[in-house]
Amino acid sequence: MAQQFVNSKIKADKVVVFIKPTCPYCRKTIELLKQLPIKLESLEFVDITAHSDTNGIQNYLQQLTGARTVPRVFIGKECIGGCSDLITLEQNGQLLQKLQQIGVLQ
């Protein structure tokens, strides 16, 4: 069920971030992404604590991405990692390029 839930959220033309609202890294990730010119319908934050199988979701994210920590940031079908990975991409100038490649910029 967790696998189906996660897979249903990840889309080739979306930015999806799996979060826990109390996590400071999740809040920082949300802030950063909301400052970018991403189409509203192409950006989704998924609160895994609102799901009954939070542990199952994190276990499946570990299988899928190599880490069970949040945030887990997917740009299209690619997991780019967490908050620090997102910041690194932005600093390298690669973040907007990746977002443009999947067509989510306004």
PDB file of N, CA and C in Angstrom:
ATOM      1  N   MET A   1       0.827  -1.203   0.000  1.00  0.00           N
ATOM      2  CA  MET A   1       0.000   0.000   0.000  1.00  0.00           C
ATOM      3  C   MET A   1       0.871   1.267   0.000  1.00  0.00           C
ATOM      4  N   ALA A   2       1.922   1.274   0.795  1.00  0.00           N
ATOM      5  CA  ALA A   2       2.832   2.430   0.835  1.00  0.00           C
ATOM      6  C   ALA A   2       3.490   2.617  -0.530  1.00  0.00           C
ATOM      7  N   GLN A   3       3.886   1.499  -1.140  1.00  0.00           N
ATOM      8  CA  GLN A   3       4.533   1.553  -2.451  1.00  0.00           C
ATOM      9  C   GLN A   3       3.586   2.156  -3.492  1.00  0.00           C
ATOM     10  N   GLN A   4       2.356   1.711  -3.481  1.00  0.00           N
ATOM     11  CA  GLN A   4       1.345   2.221  -4.415  1.00  0.00           C
ATOM     12  C   GLN A   4       1.104   3.713  -4.182  1.00  0.00           C
ATOM     13  N   PHE A   5       1.031   4.123  -2.911  1.00  0.00           N
ATOM     14  CA  PHE A   5       0.806   5.520  -2.556  1.00  0.00           C
ATOM     15  C   PHE A   5       1.943   6.398  -3.094  1.00  0.00           C
ATOM     16  N   VAL A   6       3.184   6.010  -2.809  1.00  0.00           N
ATOM     17  CA  VAL A   6       4.354   6.786  -3.260  1.00  0.00           C
ATOM     18  C   VAL A   6       4.396   6.847  -4.790  1.00  0.00           C
ATOM     19  N   ASN A   7       4.243   5.691  -5.436  1.00  0.00           N
ATOM     20  CA  ASN A   7       4.310   5.649  -6.900  1.00  0.00           C
ATOM     21  C   ASN A   7       3.213   6.475  -7.559  1.00  0.00           C
ATOM     22  N   SER A   8       2.051   6.571  -6.900  1.00  0.00           N
ATOM     23  CA  SER A   8       0.950   7.360  -7.476  1.00  0.00           C
ATOM     24  C   SER A   8       1.249   8.860  -7.440  1.00  0.00           C
ATOM     25  N   LYS A   9       2.135   9.275  -6.538  1.00  0.00           N
ATOM     26  CA  LYS A   9       2.469  10.697  -6.397  1.00  0.00           C
ATOM     27  C   LYS A   9       3.563  11.150  -7.361  1.00  0.00           C
ATOM     28  N   ILE A  10       4.512  10.262  -7.656  1.00  0.00           N
ATOM     29  CA  ILE A  10       5.669  10.627  -8.481  1.00  0.00           C
ATOM     30  C   ILE A  10       5.256  10.657  -9.956  1.00  0.00           C
ATOM     31  N   LYS A  11       5.423  11.815 -10.581  1.00  0.00           N
ATOM     32  CA  LYS A  11       5.024  11.986 -11.987  1.00  0.00           C
ATOM     33  C   LYS A  11       6.164  12.645 -12.763  1.00  0.00           C
ATOM     34  N   ALA A  12       6.256  12.327 -14.033  1.00  0.00           N
ATOM     35  CA  ALA A  12       7.333  12.837 -14.883  1.00  0.00           C
ATOM     36  C   ALA A  12       7.297  14.355 -15.030  1.00  0.00           C
ATOM     37  N   ASP A  13       6.102  14.953 -14.873  1.00  0.00           N
ATOM     38  CA  ASP A  13       5.964  16.397 -15.108  1.00  0.00           C
ATOM     39  C   ASP A  13       5.624  17.156 -13.826  1.00  0.00           C
ATOM     40  N   LYS A  14       6.133  16.659 -12.676  1.00  0.00           N
ATOM     41  CA  LYS A  14       5.847  17.305 -11.393  1.00  0.00           C
ATOM     42  C   LYS A  14       7.077  17.315 -10.498  1.00  0.00           C
ATOM     43  N   VAL A  15       7.061  18.242  -9.557  1.00  0.00           N
ATOM     44  CA  VAL A  15       8.029  18.237  -8.470  1.00  0.00           C
ATOM     45  C   VAL A  15       7.244  17.785  -7.243  1.00  0.00           C
ATOM     46  N   VAL A  16       7.660  16.665  -6.650  1.00  0.00           N
ATOM     47  CA  VAL A  16       6.965  16.109  -5.498  1.00  0.00           C
ATOM     48  C   VAL A  16       7.965  15.981  -4.357  1.00  0.00           C
ATOM     49  N   VAL A  17       7.562  16.460  -3.188  1.00  0.00           N
ATOM     50  CA  VAL A  17       8.422  16.405  -2.013  1.00  0.00           C
ATOM     51  C   VAL A  17       7.668  15.696  -0.890  1.00  0.00           C
ATOM     52  N   PHE A  18       8.240  14.606  -0.408  1.00  0.00           N
ATOM     53  CA  PHE A  18       7.670  13.890   0.727  1.00  0.00           C
ATOM     54  C   PHE A  18       8.223  14.534   1.990  1.00  0.00           C
ATOM     55  N   ILE A  19       7.316  14.978   2.870  1.00  0.00           N
ATOM     56  CA  ILE A  19       7.716  15.780   4.038  1.00  0.00           C
ATOM     57  C   ILE A  19       7.049  15.303   5.320  1.00  0.00           C
ATOM     58  N   LYS A  20       7.591  15.814   6.426  1.00  0.00           N
ATOM     59  CA  LYS A  20       6.926  15.800   7.732  1.00  0.00           C
ATOM     60  C   LYS A  20       6.876  17.277   8.139  1.00  0.00           C
ATOM     61  N   PRO A  21       5.705  17.797   8.479  1.00  0.00           N
ATOM     62  CA  PRO A  21       5.566  19.239   8.740  1.00  0.00           C
ATOM     63  C   PRO A  21       6.441  19.768   9.881  1.00  0.00           C
ATOM     64  N   THR A  22       6.827  18.919  10.818  1.00  0.00           N
ATOM     65  CA  THR A  22       7.628  19.381  11.950  1.00  0.00           C
ATOM     66  C   THR A  22       9.125  19.402  11.645  1.00  0.00           C
ATOM     67  N   CYS A  23       9.525  18.867  10.511  1.00  0.00           N
ATOM     68  CA  CYS A  23      10.946  18.756  10.160  1.00  0.00           C
ATOM     69  C   CYS A  23      11.490  20.091   9.641  1.00  0.00           C
ATOM     70  N   PRO A  24      12.546  20.632  10.275  1.00  0.00           N
ATOM     71  CA  PRO A  24      13.098  21.920   9.827  1.00  0.00           C
ATOM     72  C   PRO A  24      13.679  21.865   8.409  1.00  0.00           C
ATOM     73  N   TYR A  25      14.228  20.725   8.011  1.00  0.00           N
ATOM     74  CA  TYR A  25      14.766  20.592   6.651  1.00  0.00           C
ATOM     75  C   TYR A  25      13.637  20.585   5.626  1.00  0.00           C
ATOM     76  N   CYS A  26      12.510  20.012   6.012  1.00  0.00           N
ATOM     77  CA  CYS A  26      11.338  20.015   5.130  1.00  0.00           C
ATOM     78  C   CYS A  26      10.837  21.447   4.937  1.00  0.00           C
ATOM     79  N   ARG A  27      10.779  22.202   6.035  1.00  0.00           N
ATOM     80  CA  ARG A  27      10.308  23.596   5.948  1.00  0.00           C
ATOM     81  C   ARG A  27      11.245  24.429   5.073  1.00  0.00           C
ATOM     82  N   LYS A  28      12.533  24.207   5.203  1.00  0.00           N
ATOM     83  CA  LYS A  28      13.516  24.942   4.400  1.00  0.00           C
ATOM     84  C   LYS A  28      13.370  24.585   2.913  1.00  0.00           C
ATOM     85  N   THR A  29      13.129  23.308   2.633  1.00  0.00           N
ATOM     86  CA  THR A  29      12.929  22.837   1.258  1.00  0.00           C
ATOM     87  C   THR A  29      11.681  23.481   0.652  1.00  0.00           C
ATOM     88  N   ILE A  30      10.599  23.515   1.427  1.00  0.00           N
ATOM     89  CA  ILE A  30       9.343  24.121   0.968  1.00  0.00           C
ATOM     90  C   ILE A  30       9.572  25.597   0.647  1.00  0.00           C
ATOM     91  N   GLU A  31      10.242  26.301   1.549  1.00  0.00           N
ATOM     92  CA  GLU A  31      10.550  27.725   1.336  1.00  0.00           C
ATOM     93  C   GLU A  31      11.304  27.948   0.042  1.00  0.00           C
ATOM     94  N   LEU A  32      12.367  27.155  -0.148  1.00  0.00           N
ATOM     95  CA  LEU A  32      13.205  27.306  -1.347  1.00  0.00           C
ATOM     96  C   LEU A  32      12.389  27.067  -2.614  1.00  0.00           C
ATOM     97  N   LEU A  33      11.631  25.973  -2.642  1.00  0.00           N
ATOM     98  CA  LEU A  33      10.873  25.637  -3.849  1.00  0.00           C
ATOM     99  C   LEU A  33       9.763  26.651  -4.133  1.00  0.00           C
ATOM    100  N   LYS A  34       9.148  27.204  -3.087  1.00  0.00           N
ATOM    101  CA  LYS A  34       8.073  28.175  -3.289  1.00  0.00           C
ATOM    102  C   LYS A  34       8.588  29.502  -3.846  1.00  0.00           C
ATOM    103  N   GLN A  35       9.880  29.757  -3.726  1.00  0.00           N
ATOM    104  CA  GLN A  35      10.465  30.986  -4.274  1.00  0.00           C
ATOM    105  C   GLN A  35      10.742  30.876  -5.770  1.00  0.00           C
ATOM    106  N   LEU A  36      10.699  29.663  -6.296  1.00  0.00           N
ATOM    107  CA  LEU A  36      11.013  29.440  -7.707  1.00  0.00           C
ATOM    108  C   LEU A  36       9.756  29.578  -8.561  1.00  0.00           C
ATOM    109  N   PRO A  37       9.943  29.921  -9.845  1.00  0.00           N
ATOM    110  CA  PRO A  37       8.767  30.117 -10.726  1.00  0.00           C
ATOM    111  C   PRO A  37       8.183  28.792 -11.225  1.00  0.00           C
ATOM    112  N   ILE A  38       7.798  27.930 -10.278  1.00  0.00           N
ATOM    113  CA  ILE A  38       7.215  26.636 -10.632  1.00  0.00           C
ATOM    114  C   ILE A  38       5.701  26.796 -10.707  1.00  0.00           C
ATOM    115  N   LYS A  39       5.096  26.222 -11.752  1.00  0.00           N
ATOM    116  CA  LYS A  39       3.632  26.262 -11.867  1.00  0.00           C
ATOM    117  C   LYS A  39       3.029  25.599 -10.632  1.00  0.00           C
ATOM    118  N   LEU A  40       1.996  26.238 -10.068  1.00  0.00           N
ATOM    119  CA  LEU A  40       1.367  25.727  -8.842  1.00  0.00           C
ATOM    120  C   LEU A  40       0.930  24.270  -8.960  1.00  0.00           C
ATOM    121  N   GLU A  41       0.339  23.922 -10.099  1.00  0.00           N
ATOM    122  CA  GLU A  41      -0.169  22.559 -10.269  1.00  0.00           C
ATOM    123  C   GLU A  41       0.956  21.534 -10.452  1.00  0.00           C
ATOM    124  N   SER A  42       2.180  22.012 -10.636  1.00  0.00           N
ATOM    125  CA  SER A  42       3.315  21.109 -10.857  1.00  0.00           C
ATOM    126  C   SER A  42       4.161  20.888  -9.604  1.00  0.00           C
ATOM    127  N   LEU A  43       3.721  21.437  -8.472  1.00  0.00           N
ATOM    128  CA  LEU A  43       4.480  21.323  -7.230  1.00  0.00           C
ATOM    129  C   LEU A  43       3.584  20.734  -6.151  1.00  0.00           C
ATOM    130  N   GLU A  44       4.020  19.613  -5.566  1.00  0.00           N
ATOM    131  CA  GLU A  44       3.203  18.979  -4.528  1.00  0.00           C
ATOM    132  C   GLU A  44       4.077  18.599  -3.333  1.00  0.00           C
ATOM    133  N   PHE A  45       3.582  18.949  -2.158  1.00  0.00           N
ATOM    134  CA  PHE A  45       4.218  18.554  -0.906  1.00  0.00           C
ATOM    135  C   PHE A  45       3.329  17.488  -0.272  1.00  0.00           C
ATOM    136  N   VAL A  46       3.878  16.308  -0.046  1.00  0.00           N
ATOM    137  CA  VAL A  46       3.104  15.192   0.492  1.00  0.00           C
ATOM    138  C   VAL A  46       3.496  14.974   1.952  1.00  0.00           C
ATOM    139  N   ASP A  47       2.564  15.272   2.850  1.00  0.00           N
ATOM    140  CA  ASP A  47       2.782  15.089   4.282  1.00  0.00           C
ATOM    141  C   ASP A  47       2.592  13.612   4.609  1.00  0.00           C
ATOM    142  N   ILE A  48       3.701  12.904   4.838  1.00  0.00           N
ATOM    143  CA  ILE A  48       3.587  11.464   5.075  1.00  0.00           C
ATOM    144  C   ILE A  48       3.022  11.140   6.458  1.00  0.00           C
ATOM    145  N   THR A  49       3.008  12.122   7.360  1.00  0.00           N
ATOM    146  CA  THR A  49       2.433  11.865   8.688  1.00  0.00           C
ATOM    147  C   THR A  49       0.905  11.839   8.636  1.00  0.00           C
ATOM    148  N   ALA A  50       0.332  12.335   7.554  1.00  0.00           N
ATOM    149  CA  ALA A  50      -1.123  12.312   7.401  1.00  0.00           C
ATOM    150  C   ALA A  50      -1.595  10.944   6.894  1.00  0.00           C
ATOM    151  N   HIS A  51      -0.667  10.092   6.564  1.00  0.00           N
ATOM    152  CA  HIS A  51      -0.965   8.756   6.045  1.00  0.00           C
ATOM    153  C   HIS A  51      -0.833   7.750   7.182  1.00  0.00           C
ATOM    154  N   SER A  52      -1.657   6.736   7.172  1.00  0.00           N
ATOM    155  CA  SER A  52      -1.642   5.774   8.278  1.00  0.00           C
ATOM    156  C   SER A  52      -0.381   4.913   8.318  1.00  0.00           C
ATOM    157  N   ASP A  53       0.326   4.814   7.182  1.00  0.00           N
ATOM    158  CA  ASP A  53       1.503   3.941   7.123  1.00  0.00           C
ATOM    159  C   ASP A  53       2.786   4.753   6.904  1.00  0.00           C
ATOM    160  N   THR A  54       3.041   5.715   7.787  1.00  0.00           N
ATOM    161  CA  THR A  54       4.216   6.582   7.667  1.00  0.00           C
ATOM    162  C   THR A  54       5.507   5.760   7.596  1.00  0.00           C
ATOM    163  N   ASN A  55       5.631   4.759   8.465  1.00  0.00           N
ATOM    164  CA  ASN A  55       6.827   3.915   8.462  1.00  0.00           C
ATOM    165  C   ASN A  55       6.992   3.157   7.155  1.00  0.00           C
ATOM    166  N   GLY A  56       5.904   2.620   6.661  1.00  0.00           N
ATOM    167  CA  GLY A  56       5.928   1.887   5.391  1.00  0.00           C
ATOM    168  C   GLY A  56       6.363   2.790   4.248  1.00  0.00           C
ATOM    169  N   ILE A  57       5.870   4.018   4.258  1.00  0.00           N
ATOM    170  CA  ILE A  57       6.246   4.985   3.223  1.00  0.00           C
ATOM    171  C   ILE A  57       7.747   5.256   3.305  1.00  0.00           C
ATOM    172  N   GLN A  58       8.256   5.494   4.513  1.00  0.00           N
ATOM    173  CA  GLN A  58       9.687   5.769   4.655  1.00  0.00           C
ATOM    174  C   GLN A  58      10.525   4.553   4.260  1.00  0.00           C
ATOM    175  N   ASN A  59      10.059   3.356   4.589  1.00  0.00           N
ATOM    176  CA  ASN A  59      10.783   2.147   4.187  1.00  0.00           C
ATOM    177  C   ASN A  59      10.826   2.016   2.672  1.00  0.00           C
ATOM    178  N   TYR A  60       9.703   2.312   2.015  1.00  0.00           N
ATOM    179  CA  TYR A  60       9.680   2.224   0.554  1.00  0.00           C
ATOM    180  C   TYR A  60      10.554   3.325  -0.065  1.00  0.00           C
ATOM    181  N   LEU A  61      10.532   4.519   0.512  1.00  0.00           N
ATOM    182  CA  LEU A  61      11.402   5.593   0.016  1.00  0.00           C
ATOM    183  C   LEU A  61      12.870   5.166   0.130  1.00  0.00           C
ATOM    184  N   GLN A  62      13.205   4.429   1.186  1.00  0.00           N
ATOM    185  CA  GLN A  62      14.570   3.933   1.333  1.00  0.00           C
ATOM    186  C   GLN A  62      14.913   2.969   0.200  1.00  0.00           C
ATOM    187  N   GLN A  63      14.006   2.049  -0.102  1.00  0.00           N
ATOM    188  CA  GLN A  63      14.218   1.105  -1.216  1.00  0.00           C
ATOM    189  C   GLN A  63      14.421   1.863  -2.515  1.00  0.00           C
ATOM    190  N   LEU A  64      13.583   2.874  -2.712  1.00  0.00           N
ATOM    191  CA  LEU A  64      13.552   3.617  -3.967  1.00  0.00           C
ATOM    192  C   LEU A  64      14.739   4.560  -4.134  1.00  0.00           C
ATOM    193  N   THR A  65      15.149   5.208  -3.026  1.00  0.00           N
ATOM    194  CA  THR A  65      16.111   6.307  -3.141  1.00  0.00           C
ATOM    195  C   THR A  65      17.406   6.105  -2.353  1.00  0.00           C
ATOM    196  N   GLY A  66      17.432   5.076  -1.505  1.00  0.00           N
ATOM    197  CA  GLY A  66      18.623   4.846  -0.700  1.00  0.00           C
ATOM    198  C   GLY A  66      18.607   5.558   0.642  1.00  0.00           C
ATOM    199  N   ALA A  67      17.552   6.325   0.919  1.00  0.00           N
ATOM    200  CA  ALA A  67      17.435   7.008   2.214  1.00  0.00           C
ATOM    201  C   ALA A  67      15.962   7.078   2.610  1.00  0.00           C
ATOM    202  N   ARG A  68      15.721   6.968   3.919  1.00  0.00           N
ATOM    203  CA  ARG A  68      14.323   7.026   4.386  1.00  0.00           C
ATOM    204  C   ARG A  68      14.020   8.355   5.054  1.00  0.00           C
ATOM    205  N   THR A  69      15.008   9.246   5.079  1.00  0.00           N
ATOM    206  CA  THR A  69      14.809  10.550   5.709  1.00  0.00           C
ATOM    207  C   THR A  69      13.955  11.460   4.817  1.00  0.00           C
ATOM    208  N   VAL A  70      13.334  12.439   5.443  1.00  0.00           N
ATOM    209  CA  VAL A  70      12.597  13.455   4.694  1.00  0.00           C
ATOM    210  C   VAL A  70      13.315  14.784   4.887  1.00  0.00           C
ATOM    211  N   PRO A  71      13.194  15.683   3.944  1.00  0.00           N
ATOM    212  CA  PRO A  71      12.402  15.556   2.726  1.00  0.00           C
ATOM    213  C   PRO A  71      13.081  14.651   1.692  1.00  0.00           C
ATOM    214  N   ARG A  72      12.262  14.045   0.865  1.00  0.00           N
ATOM    215  CA  ARG A  72      12.721  13.327  -0.330  1.00  0.00           C
ATOM    216  C   ARG A  72      12.163  14.117  -1.500  1.00  0.00           C
ATOM    217  N   VAL A  73      13.036  14.686  -2.308  1.00  0.00           N
ATOM    218  CA  VAL A  73      12.639  15.586  -3.396  1.00  0.00           C
ATOM    219  C   VAL A  73      12.735  14.862  -4.728  1.00  0.00           C
ATOM    220  N   PHE A  74      11.599  14.787  -5.428  1.00  0.00           N
ATOM    221  CA  PHE A  74      11.567  14.197  -6.765  1.00  0.00           C
ATOM    222  C   PHE A  74      11.332  15.303  -7.779  1.00  0.00           C
ATOM    223  N   ILE A  75      12.245  15.403  -8.739  1.00  0.00           N
ATOM    224  CA  ILE A  75      12.053  16.303  -9.875  1.00  0.00           C
ATOM    225  C   ILE A  75      11.752  15.381 -11.043  1.00  0.00           C
ATOM    226  N   GLY A  76      10.487  15.377 -11.427  1.00  0.00           N
ATOM    227  CA  GLY A  76      10.040  14.358 -12.367  1.00  0.00           C
ATOM    228  C   GLY A  76      10.133  13.013 -11.659  1.00  0.00           C
ATOM    229  N   LYS A  77      10.662  12.015 -12.354  1.00  0.00           N
ATOM    230  CA  LYS A  77      10.767  10.668 -11.763  1.00  0.00           C
ATOM    231  C   LYS A  77      12.089  10.480 -11.024  1.00  0.00           C
ATOM    232  N   GLU A  78      12.952  11.504 -11.042  1.00  0.00           N
ATOM    233  CA  GLU A  78      14.272  11.395 -10.428  1.00  0.00           C
ATOM    234  C   GLU A  78      14.278  11.963  -9.007  1.00  0.00           C
ATOM    235  N   CYS A  79      14.754  11.151  -8.062  1.00  0.00           N
ATOM    236  CA  CYS A  79      14.933  11.657  -6.697  1.00  0.00           C
ATOM    237  C   CYS A  79      16.292  12.341  -6.645  1.00  0.00           C
ATOM    238  N   ILE A  80      16.285  13.633  -6.330  1.00  0.00           N
ATOM    239  CA  ILE A  80      17.551  14.366  -6.271  1.00  0.00           C
ATOM    240  C   ILE A  80      18.111  14.360  -4.850  1.00  0.00           C
ATOM    241  N   GLY A  81      17.374  13.781  -3.901  1.00  0.00           N
ATOM    242  CA  GLY A  81      17.853  13.686  -2.528  1.00  0.00           C
ATOM    243  C   GLY A  81      17.002  14.501  -1.584  1.00  0.00           C
ATOM    244  N   GLY A  82      17.688  15.168  -0.635  1.00  0.00           N
ATOM    245  CA  GLY A  82      16.997  15.937   0.379  1.00  0.00           C
ATOM    246  C   GLY A  82      17.287  17.413   0.287  1.00  0.00           C
ATOM    247  N   CYS A  83      17.164  18.102   1.402  1.00  0.00           N
ATOM    248  CA  CYS A  83      17.306  19.552   1.467  1.00  0.00           C
ATOM    249  C   CYS A  83      18.692  20.016   1.013  1.00  0.00           C
ATOM    250  N   SER A  84      19.743  19.416   1.564  1.00  0.00           N
ATOM    251  CA  SER A  84      21.103  19.865   1.210  1.00  0.00           C
ATOM    252  C   SER A  84      21.409  19.603  -0.265  1.00  0.00           C
ATOM    253  N   ASP A  85      20.866  18.507  -0.818  1.00  0.00           N
ATOM    254  CA  ASP A  85      21.067  18.212  -2.241  1.00  0.00           C
ATOM    255  C   ASP A  85      20.366  19.266  -3.109  1.00  0.00           C
ATOM    256  N   LEU A  86      19.184  19.674  -2.680  1.00  0.00           N
ATOM    257  CA  LEU A  86      18.424  20.700  -3.392  1.00  0.00           C
ATOM    258  C   LEU A  86      19.193  22.029  -3.378  1.00  0.00           C
ATOM    259  N   ILE A  87      19.722  22.395  -2.223  1.00  0.00           N
ATOM    260  CA  ILE A  87      20.490  23.639  -2.091  1.00  0.00           C
ATOM    261  C   ILE A  87      21.733  23.590  -2.978  1.00  0.00           C
ATOM    262  N   THR A  88      22.418  22.454  -2.992  1.00  0.00           N
ATOM    263  CA  THR A  88      23.606  22.286  -3.839  1.00  0.00           C
ATOM    264  C   THR A  88      23.244  22.466  -5.312  1.00  0.00           C
ATOM    265  N   LEU A  89      22.145  21.857  -5.739  1.00  0.00           N
ATOM    266  CA  LEU A  89      21.701  22.005  -7.139  1.00  0.00           C
ATOM    267  C   LEU A  89      21.424  23.463  -7.466  1.00  0.00           C
ATOM    268  N   GLU A  90      20.794  24.164  -6.528  1.00  0.00           N
ATOM    269  CA  GLU A  90      20.478  25.576  -6.763  1.00  0.00           C
ATOM    270  C   GLU A  90      21.769  26.394  -6.869  1.00  0.00           C
ATOM    271  N   GLN A  91      22.706  26.140  -5.972  1.00  0.00           N
ATOM    272  CA  GLN A  91      23.966  26.888  -5.975  1.00  0.00           C
ATOM    273  C   GLN A  91      24.798  26.616  -7.226  1.00  0.00           C
ATOM    274  N   ASN A  92      24.681  25.405  -7.759  1.00  0.00           N
ATOM    275  CA  ASN A  92      25.420  25.049  -8.981  1.00  0.00           C
ATOM    276  C   ASN A  92      24.730  25.539 -10.246  1.00  0.00           C
ATOM    277  N   GLY A  93      23.535  26.111 -10.089  1.00  0.00           N
ATOM    278  CA  GLY A  93      22.783  26.570 -11.254  1.00  0.00           C
ATOM    279  C   GLY A  93      22.105  25.440 -12.006  1.00  0.00           C
ATOM    280  N   GLN A  94      22.043  24.256 -11.421  1.00  0.00           N
ATOM    281  CA  GLN A  94      21.458  23.108 -12.121  1.00  0.00           C
ATOM    282  C   GLN A  94      19.974  22.913 -11.808  1.00  0.00           C
ATOM    283  N   LEU A  95      19.486  23.530 -10.736  1.00  0.00           N
ATOM    284  CA  LEU A  95      18.099  23.303 -10.321  1.00  0.00           C
ATOM    285  C   LEU A  95      17.112  23.818 -11.366  1.00  0.00           C
ATOM    286  N   LEU A  96      17.254  25.063 -11.777  1.00  0.00           N
ATOM    287  CA  LEU A  96      16.327  25.615 -12.777  1.00  0.00           C
ATOM    288  C   LEU A  96      16.405  24.831 -14.080  1.00  0.00           C
ATOM    289  N   GLN A  97      17.601  24.382 -14.417  1.00  0.00           N
ATOM    290  CA  GLN A  97      17.804  23.583 -15.634  1.00  0.00           C
ATOM    291  C   GLN A  97      16.995  22.280 -15.548  1.00  0.00           C
ATOM    292  N   LYS A  98      17.071  21.605 -14.404  1.00  0.00           N
ATOM    293  CA  LYS A  98      16.313  20.356 -14.216  1.00  0.00           C
ATOM    294  C   LYS A  98      14.804  20.624 -14.264  1.00  0.00           C
ATOM    295  N   LEU A  99      14.377  21.732 -13.655  1.00  0.00           N
ATOM    296  CA  LEU A  99      12.963  22.075 -13.651  1.00  0.00           C
ATOM    297  C   LEU A  99      12.487  22.397 -15.062  1.00  0.00           C
ATOM    298  N   GLN A 100      13.334  23.049 -15.829  1.00  0.00           N
ATOM    299  CA  GLN A 100      12.987  23.385 -17.211  1.00  0.00           C
ATOM    300  C   GLN A 100      12.867  22.121 -18.052  1.00  0.00           C
ATOM    301  N   GLN A 101      13.743  21.162 -17.810  1.00  0.00           N
ATOM    302  CA  GLN A 101      13.729  19.905 -18.573  1.00  0.00           C
ATOM    303  C   GLN A 101      12.411  19.154 -18.434  1.00  0.00           C
ATOM    304  N   ILE A 102      11.780  19.235 -17.257  1.00  0.00           N
ATOM    305  CA  ILE A 102      10.499  18.517 -17.093  1.00  0.00           C
ATOM    306  C   ILE A 102       9.301  19.448 -17.337  1.00  0.00           C
ATOM    307  N   GLY A 103       9.558  20.695 -17.699  1.00  0.00           N
ATOM    308  CA  GLY A 103       8.494  21.609 -18.126  1.00  0.00           C
ATOM    309  C   GLY A 103       7.593  22.137 -17.030  1.00  0.00           C
ATOM    310  N   VAL A 104       8.149  22.393 -15.836  1.00  0.00           N
ATOM    311  CA  VAL A 104       7.295  22.869 -14.730  1.00  0.00           C
ATOM    312  C   VAL A 104       7.438  24.356 -14.438  1.00  0.00           C
ATOM    313  N   LEU A 105       8.318  25.043 -15.168  1.00  0.00           N
ATOM    314  CA  LEU A 105       8.508  26.476 -14.916  1.00  0.00           C
ATOM    315  C   LEU A 105       7.425  27.287 -15.590  1.00  0.00           C
ATOM    316  N   GLN A 106       7.059  28.411 -14.974  1.00  0.00           N
ATOM    317  CA  GLN A 106       6.006  29.280 -15.536  1.00  0.00           C
ATOM    318  C   GLN A 106       6.530  30.002 -16.756  1.00  0.00           C
TER     319      GLN A 106
END
